[in-house]
PDB file of all heavy atoms in Angstrom:
ATOM      1  N   ASP A   1       5.575 -17.258  -8.573  1.00  0.00           N
ATOM      2  CA  ASP A   1       4.616 -16.195  -8.263  1.00  0.00           C
ATOM      3  C   ASP A   1       5.121 -15.450  -7.036  1.00  0.00           C
ATOM      4  O   ASP A   1       5.125 -15.988  -5.924  1.00  0.00           O
ATOM      5  CB  ASP A   1       3.237 -16.817  -7.989  1.00  0.00           C
ATOM      6  CG  ASP A   1       2.215 -15.775  -7.541  1.00  0.00           C
ATOM      7  OD1 ASP A   1       2.501 -14.564  -7.679  1.00  0.00           O
ATOM      8  OD2 ASP A   1       1.143 -16.170  -7.053  1.00  0.00           O
ATOM      9  N   GLU A   2       5.569 -14.200  -7.229  1.00  0.00           N
ATOM     10  CA  GLU A   2       6.081 -13.385  -6.129  1.00  0.00           C
ATOM     11  C   GLU A   2       5.112 -12.268  -5.747  1.00  0.00           C
ATOM     12  O   GLU A   2       5.496 -11.303  -5.092  1.00  0.00           O
ATOM     13  CB  GLU A   2       7.440 -12.787  -6.502  1.00  0.00           C
ATOM     14  CG  GLU A   2       8.523 -13.841  -6.714  1.00  0.00           C
ATOM     15  CD  GLU A   2       9.906 -13.234  -6.884  1.00  0.00           C
ATOM     16  OE1 GLU A   2       9.980 -12.018  -7.163  1.00  0.00           O
ATOM     17  OE2 GLU A   2      10.901 -13.970  -6.733  1.00  0.00           O
ATOM     18  N   SER A   3       3.848 -12.408  -6.164  1.00  0.00           N
ATOM     19  CA  SER A   3       2.879 -11.337  -5.906  1.00  0.00           C
ATOM     20  C   SER A   3       2.681 -11.087  -4.421  1.00  0.00           C
ATOM     21  O   SER A   3       2.359  -9.968  -4.010  1.00  0.00           O
ATOM     22  CB  SER A   3       1.537 -11.672  -6.566  1.00  0.00           C
ATOM     23  OG  SER A   3       1.005 -12.883  -6.049  1.00  0.00           O
ATOM     24  N   ALA A   4       2.861 -12.122  -3.592  1.00  0.00           N
ATOM     25  CA  ALA A   4       2.701 -11.926  -2.151  1.00  0.00           C
ATOM     26  C   ALA A   4       3.742 -10.963  -1.598  1.00  0.00           C
ATOM     27  O   ALA A   4       3.505 -10.283  -0.593  1.00  0.00           O
ATOM     28  CB  ALA A   4       2.807 -13.271  -1.420  1.00  0.00           C
ATOM     29  N   ILE A   5       4.890 -10.881  -2.269  1.00  0.00           N
ATOM     30  CA  ILE A   5       5.960  -9.996  -1.816  1.00  0.00           C
ATOM     31  C   ILE A   5       5.941  -8.675  -2.567  1.00  0.00           C
ATOM     32  O   ILE A   5       6.011  -7.598  -1.978  1.00  0.00           O
ATOM     33  CB  ILE A   5       7.337 -10.670  -1.993  1.00  0.00           C
ATOM     34  CG1 ILE A   5       7.354 -12.021  -1.264  1.00  0.00           C
ATOM     35  CG2 ILE A   5       8.451  -9.771  -1.493  1.00  0.00           C
ATOM     36  CD1 ILE A   5       7.156 -11.948   0.212  1.00  0.00           C
ATOM     37  N   THR A   6       5.840  -8.757  -3.894  1.00  0.00           N
ATOM     38  CA  THR A   6       5.957  -7.544  -4.713  1.00  0.00           C
ATOM     39  C   THR A   6       4.633  -6.899  -5.033  1.00  0.00           C
ATOM     40  O   THR A   6       4.583  -5.724  -5.389  1.00  0.00           O
ATOM     41  CB  THR A   6       6.656  -7.870  -6.049  1.00  0.00           C
ATOM     42  OG1 THR A   6       5.795  -8.727  -6.812  1.00  0.00           O
ATOM     43  CG2 THR A   6       7.979  -8.578  -5.818  1.00  0.00           C
ATOM     44  N   GLY A   7       3.530  -7.659  -4.935  1.00  0.00           N
ATOM     45  CA  GLY A   7       2.236  -7.114  -5.328  1.00  0.00           C
ATOM     46  C   GLY A   7       1.997  -7.185  -6.821  1.00  0.00           C
ATOM     47  O   GLY A   7       0.937  -6.791  -7.300  1.00  0.00           O
ATOM     48  N   GLU A   8       2.975  -7.684  -7.590  1.00  0.00           N
ATOM     49  CA  GLU A   8       2.826  -7.778  -9.035  1.00  0.00           C
ATOM     50  C   GLU A   8       2.361  -9.180  -9.413  1.00  0.00           C
ATOM     51  O   GLU A   8       2.895 -10.178  -8.923  1.00  0.00           O
ATOM     52  CB  GLU A   8       4.155  -7.461  -9.729  1.00  0.00           C
ATOM     53  CG  GLU A   8       4.674  -6.057  -9.447  1.00  0.00           C
ATOM     54  CD  GLU A   8       3.740  -4.978  -9.956  1.00  0.00           C
ATOM     55  OE1 GLU A   8       3.032  -5.239 -10.946  1.00  0.00           O
ATOM     56  OE2 GLU A   8       3.708  -3.898  -9.372  1.00  0.00           O
ATOM     57  N   SER A   9       1.366  -9.263 -10.297  1.00  0.00           N
ATOM     58  CA  SER A   9       0.752 -10.541 -10.622  1.00  0.00           C
ATOM     59  C   SER A   9       1.560 -11.372 -11.601  1.00  0.00           C
ATOM     60  O   SER A   9       1.403 -12.584 -11.663  1.00  0.00           O
ATOM     61  CB  SER A   9      -0.652 -10.313 -11.193  1.00  0.00           C
ATOM     62  OG  SER A   9      -0.585  -9.480 -12.337  1.00  0.00           O
ATOM     63  N   ALA A  10       2.403 -10.749 -12.417  1.00  0.00           N
ATOM     64  CA  ALA A  10       3.146 -11.488 -13.441  1.00  0.00           C
ATOM     65  C   ALA A  10       4.212 -12.366 -12.793  1.00  0.00           C
ATOM     66  O   ALA A  10       4.993 -11.891 -11.962  1.00  0.00           O
ATOM     67  CB  ALA A  10       3.791 -10.520 -14.424  1.00  0.00           C
ATOM     68  N   PRO A  11       4.271 -13.663 -13.153  1.00  0.00           N
ATOM     69  CA  PRO A  11       5.303 -14.543 -12.584  1.00  0.00           C
ATOM     70  C   PRO A  11       6.678 -14.186 -13.120  1.00  0.00           C
ATOM     71  O   PRO A  11       6.813 -13.546 -14.165  1.00  0.00           O
ATOM     72  CB  PRO A  11       4.866 -15.937 -13.046  1.00  0.00           C
ATOM     73  CG  PRO A  11       4.069 -15.696 -14.277  1.00  0.00           C
ATOM     74  CD  PRO A  11       3.379 -14.375 -14.078  1.00  0.00           C
ATOM     75  N   VAL A  12       7.703 -14.603 -12.402  1.00  0.00           N
ATOM     76  CA  VAL A  12       9.083 -14.354 -12.812  1.00  0.00           C
ATOM     77  C   VAL A  12       9.806 -15.689 -12.930  1.00  0.00           C
ATOM     78  O   VAL A  12       9.384 -16.695 -12.351  1.00  0.00           O
ATOM     79  CB  VAL A  12       9.817 -13.445 -11.803  1.00  0.00           C
ATOM     80  CG1 VAL A  12       9.173 -12.083 -11.746  1.00  0.00           C
ATOM     81  CG2 VAL A  12       9.828 -14.079 -10.418  1.00  0.00           C
ATOM     82  N   ILE A  13      10.885 -15.690 -13.708  1.00  0.00           N
ATOM     83  CA  ILE A  13      11.678 -16.903 -13.907  1.00  0.00           C
ATOM     84  C   ILE A  13      12.826 -16.923 -12.905  1.00  0.00           C
ATOM     85  O   ILE A  13      13.532 -15.929 -12.729  1.00  0.00           O
ATOM     86  CB  ILE A  13      12.230 -16.969 -15.345  1.00  0.00           C
ATOM     87  CG1 ILE A  13      11.074 -16.983 -16.354  1.00  0.00           C
ATOM     88  CG2 ILE A  13      13.104 -18.209 -15.516  1.00  0.00           C
ATOM     89  CD1 ILE A  13      10.148 -18.165 -16.217  1.00  0.00           C
ATOM     90  N   ARG A  14      12.988 -18.054 -12.252  1.00  0.00           N
ATOM     91  CA  ARG A  14      14.119 -18.254 -11.344  1.00  0.00           C
ATOM     92  C   ARG A  14      14.888 -19.478 -11.828  1.00  0.00           C
ATOM     93  O   ARG A  14      14.293 -20.535 -12.097  1.00  0.00           O
ATOM     94  CB  ARG A  14      13.627 -18.458  -9.912  1.00  0.00           C
ATOM     95  CG  ARG A  14      13.039 -17.195  -9.309  1.00  0.00           C
ATOM     96  CD  ARG A  14      14.167 -16.209  -9.017  1.00  0.00           C
ATOM     97  NE  ARG A  14      13.661 -14.953  -8.469  1.00  0.00           N
ATOM     98  CZ  ARG A  14      13.442 -13.870  -9.182  1.00  0.00           C
ATOM     99  NH1 ARG A  14      13.673 -13.894 -10.481  1.00  0.00           N
ATOM    100  NH2 ARG A  14      13.012 -12.753  -8.615  1.00  0.00           N
ATOM    101  N   GLU A  15      16.214 -19.335 -11.944  1.00  0.00           N
ATOM    102  CA  GLU A  15      17.033 -20.427 -12.467  1.00  0.00           C
ATOM    103  C   GLU A  15      18.401 -20.397 -11.817  1.00  0.00           C
ATOM    104  O   GLU A  15      18.814 -19.392 -11.217  1.00  0.00           O
ATOM    105  CB  GLU A  15      17.166 -20.320 -13.979  1.00  0.00           C
ATOM    106  CG  GLU A  15      17.775 -19.020 -14.450  1.00  0.00           C
ATOM    107  CD  GLU A  15      17.788 -18.894 -15.964  1.00  0.00           C
ATOM    108  OE1 GLU A  15      17.925 -19.941 -16.622  1.00  0.00           O
ATOM    109  OE2 GLU A  15      17.662 -17.775 -16.477  1.00  0.00           O
ATOM    110  N   SER A  16      19.117 -21.491 -11.932  1.00  0.00           N
ATOM    111  CA  SER A  16      20.442 -21.602 -11.328  1.00  0.00           C
ATOM    112  C   SER A  16      21.492 -20.964 -12.214  1.00  0.00           C
ATOM    113  O   SER A  16      21.318 -20.849 -13.428  1.00  0.00           O
ATOM    114  CB  SER A  16      20.791 -23.078 -11.096  1.00  0.00           C
ATOM    115  OG  SER A  16      20.827 -23.766 -12.336  1.00  0.00           O
ATOM    116  N   GLY A  17      22.559 -20.531 -11.566  1.00  0.00           N
ATOM    117  CA  GLY A  17      23.730 -20.094 -12.305  1.00  0.00           C
ATOM    118  C   GLY A  17      23.677 -18.724 -12.917  1.00  0.00           C
ATOM    119  O   GLY A  17      24.537 -18.370 -13.707  1.00  0.00           O
ATOM    120  N   GLY A  18      22.697 -17.897 -12.590  1.00  0.00           N
ATOM    121  CA  GLY A  18      22.620 -16.565 -13.183  1.00  0.00           C
ATOM    122  C   GLY A  18      22.312 -15.511 -12.144  1.00  0.00           C
ATOM    123  O   GLY A  18      22.437 -15.739 -10.936  1.00  0.00           O
ATOM    124  N   ASP A  19      21.903 -14.348 -12.650  1.00  0.00           N
ATOM    125  CA  ASP A  19      21.571 -13.251 -11.755  1.00  0.00           C
ATOM    126  C   ASP A  19      20.124 -13.318 -11.269  1.00  0.00           C
ATOM    127  O   ASP A  19      19.656 -12.414 -10.596  1.00  0.00           O
ATOM    128  CB  ASP A  19      21.789 -11.904 -12.473  1.00  0.00           C
ATOM    129  CG  ASP A  19      23.269 -11.596 -12.626  1.00  0.00           C
ATOM    130  OD1 ASP A  19      24.072 -12.256 -11.947  1.00  0.00           O
ATOM    131  OD2 ASP A  19      23.606 -10.699 -13.423  1.00  0.00           O
ATOM    132  N   ARG A  20      19.416 -14.371 -11.634  1.00  0.00           N
ATOM    133  CA  ARG A  20      18.027 -14.528 -11.202  1.00  0.00           C
ATOM    134  C   ARG A  20      17.861 -15.839 -10.438  1.00  0.00           C
ATOM    135  O   ARG A  20      16.924 -16.598 -10.663  1.00  0.00           O
ATOM    136  CB  ARG A  20      17.080 -14.473 -12.405  1.00  0.00           C
ATOM    137  CG  ARG A  20      17.118 -13.137 -13.122  1.00  0.00           C
ATOM    138  CD  ARG A  20      16.187 -13.101 -14.321  1.00  0.00           C
ATOM    139  NE  ARG A  20      16.228 -11.799 -14.960  1.00  0.00           N
ATOM    140  CZ  ARG A  20      15.450 -10.781 -14.645  1.00  0.00           C
ATOM    141  NH1 ARG A  20      14.566 -10.913 -13.675  1.00  0.00           N
ATOM    142  NH2 ARG A  20      15.534  -9.624 -15.279  1.00  0.00           N
ATOM    143  N   SER A  21      18.798 -16.071  -9.548  1.00  0.00           N
ATOM    144  CA  SER A  21      18.795 -17.338  -8.811  1.00  0.00           C
ATOM    145  C   SER A  21      18.222 -17.207  -7.408  1.00  0.00           C
ATOM    146  O   SER A  21      17.979 -18.218  -6.752  1.00  0.00           O
ATOM    147  CB  SER A  21      20.220 -17.897  -8.728  1.00  0.00           C
ATOM    148  OG  SER A  21      21.067 -16.972  -8.066  1.00  0.00           O
ATOM    149  N   ALA A  22      18.008 -15.988  -6.926  1.00  0.00           N
ATOM    150  CA  ALA A  22      17.522 -15.806  -5.557  1.00  0.00           C
ATOM    151  C   ALA A  22      16.020 -16.035  -5.489  1.00  0.00           C
ATOM    152  O   ALA A  22      15.264 -15.556  -6.335  1.00  0.00           O
ATOM    153  CB  ALA A  22      17.850 -14.396  -5.068  1.00  0.00           C
ATOM    154  N   VAL A  23      15.579 -16.776  -4.482  1.00  0.00           N
ATOM    155  CA  VAL A  23      14.157 -16.984  -4.234  1.00  0.00           C
ATOM    156  C   VAL A  23      13.849 -16.551  -2.806  1.00  0.00           C
ATOM    157  O   VAL A  23      14.711 -16.607  -1.920  1.00  0.00           O
ATOM    158  CB  VAL A  23      13.734 -18.453  -4.447  1.00  0.00           C
ATOM    159  CG1 VAL A  23      13.745 -18.813  -5.918  1.00  0.00           C
ATOM    160  CG2 VAL A  23      14.617 -19.407  -3.658  1.00  0.00           C
ATOM    161  N   THR A  24      12.621 -16.123  -2.589  1.00  0.00           N
ATOM    162  CA  THR A  24      12.205 -15.574  -1.305  1.00  0.00           C
ATOM    163  C   THR A  24      11.175 -16.479  -0.651  1.00  0.00           C
ATOM    164  O   THR A  24      10.251 -16.963  -1.321  1.00  0.00           O
ATOM    165  CB  THR A  24      11.602 -14.169  -1.496  1.00  0.00           C
ATOM    166  OG1 THR A  24      12.562 -13.343  -2.161  1.00  0.00           O
ATOM    167  CG2 THR A  24      11.249 -13.544  -0.160  1.00  0.00           C
ATOM    168  N   GLY A  25      11.346 -16.712   0.637  1.00  0.00           N
ATOM    169  CA  GLY A  25      10.390 -17.517   1.373  1.00  0.00           C
ATOM    170  C   GLY A  25       8.993 -16.925   1.304  1.00  0.00           C
ATOM    171  O   GLY A  25       8.815 -15.719   1.420  1.00  0.00           O
ATOM    172  N   GLY A  26       7.981 -17.799   1.117  1.00  0.00           N
ATOM    173  CA  GLY A  26       6.604 -17.332   1.014  1.00  0.00           C
ATOM    174  C   GLY A  26       6.119 -17.187  -0.408  1.00  0.00           C
ATOM    175  O   GLY A  26       4.928 -16.989  -0.639  1.00  0.00           O
ATOM    176  N   THR A  27       7.030 -17.253  -1.394  1.00  0.00           N
ATOM    177  CA  THR A  27       6.614 -17.204  -2.797  1.00  0.00           C
ATOM    178  C   THR A  27       6.280 -18.626  -3.264  1.00  0.00           C
ATOM    179  O   THR A  27       6.670 -19.609  -2.638  1.00  0.00           O
ATOM    180  CB  THR A  27       7.711 -16.596  -3.682  1.00  0.00           C
ATOM    181  OG1 THR A  27       8.910 -17.393  -3.561  1.00  0.00           O
ATOM    182  CG2 THR A  27       8.030 -15.178  -3.231  1.00  0.00           C
ATOM    183  N   ARG A  28       5.560 -18.737  -4.380  1.00  0.00           N
ATOM    184  CA  ARG A  28       5.051 -20.045  -4.811  1.00  0.00           C
ATOM    185  C   ARG A  28       5.539 -20.389  -6.215  1.00  0.00           C
ATOM    186  O   ARG A  28       5.486 -19.554  -7.123  1.00  0.00           O
ATOM    187  CB  ARG A  28       3.524 -20.033  -4.778  1.00  0.00           C
ATOM    188  CG  ARG A  28       2.880 -21.391  -5.051  1.00  0.00           C
ATOM    189  CD  ARG A  28       1.418 -21.379  -4.619  1.00  0.00           C
ATOM    190  NE  ARG A  28       0.658 -20.413  -5.393  1.00  0.00           N
ATOM    191  CZ  ARG A  28      -0.029 -20.726  -6.499  1.00  0.00           C
ATOM    192  NH1 ARG A  28      -0.024 -21.975  -6.942  1.00  0.00           N
ATOM    193  NH2 ARG A  28      -0.711 -19.807  -7.144  1.00  0.00           N
ATOM    194  N   VAL A  29       6.019 -21.594  -6.382  1.00  0.00           N
ATOM    195  CA  VAL A  29       6.452 -22.083  -7.690  1.00  0.00           C
ATOM    196  C   VAL A  29       5.222 -22.463  -8.501  1.00  0.00           C
ATOM    197  O   VAL A  29       4.355 -23.215  -8.043  1.00  0.00           O
ATOM    198  CB  VAL A  29       7.395 -23.290  -7.534  1.00  0.00           C
ATOM    199  CG1 VAL A  29       7.681 -23.932  -8.888  1.00  0.00           C
ATOM    200  CG2 VAL A  29       8.702 -22.859  -6.882  1.00  0.00           C
ATOM    201  N   LEU A  30       5.128 -21.940  -9.722  1.00  0.00           N
ATOM    202  CA  LEU A  30       3.964 -22.175 -10.574  1.00  0.00           C
ATOM    203  C   LEU A  30       4.160 -23.317 -11.547  1.00  0.00           C
ATOM    204  O   LEU A  30       3.209 -24.019 -11.898  1.00  0.00           O
ATOM    205  CB  LEU A  30       3.615 -20.894 -11.343  1.00  0.00           C
ATOM    206  CG  LEU A  30       3.214 -19.682 -10.510  1.00  0.00           C
ATOM    207  CD1 LEU A  30       2.957 -18.491 -11.417  1.00  0.00           C
ATOM    208  CD2 LEU A  30       1.986 -19.982  -9.672  1.00  0.00           C
ATOM    209  N   SER A  31       5.392 -23.489 -12.025  1.00  0.00           N
ATOM    210  CA  SER A  31       5.637 -24.548 -13.008  1.00  0.00           C
ATOM    211  C   SER A  31       7.039 -25.099 -12.827  1.00  0.00           C
ATOM    212  O   SER A  31       7.917 -24.442 -12.255  1.00  0.00           O
ATOM    213  CB  SER A  31       5.485 -23.997 -14.433  1.00  0.00           C
ATOM    214  OG  SER A  31       6.515 -23.059 -14.721  1.00  0.00           O
TER     215      SER A  31
END
């Protein structure tokens, strides 16, 4: 859940080894 940073309610997928591996402090893991 990155809504605290982006303001968008839809969760995003974060995973290793790809272009979606960066996570930001203050965001919350949902699952």
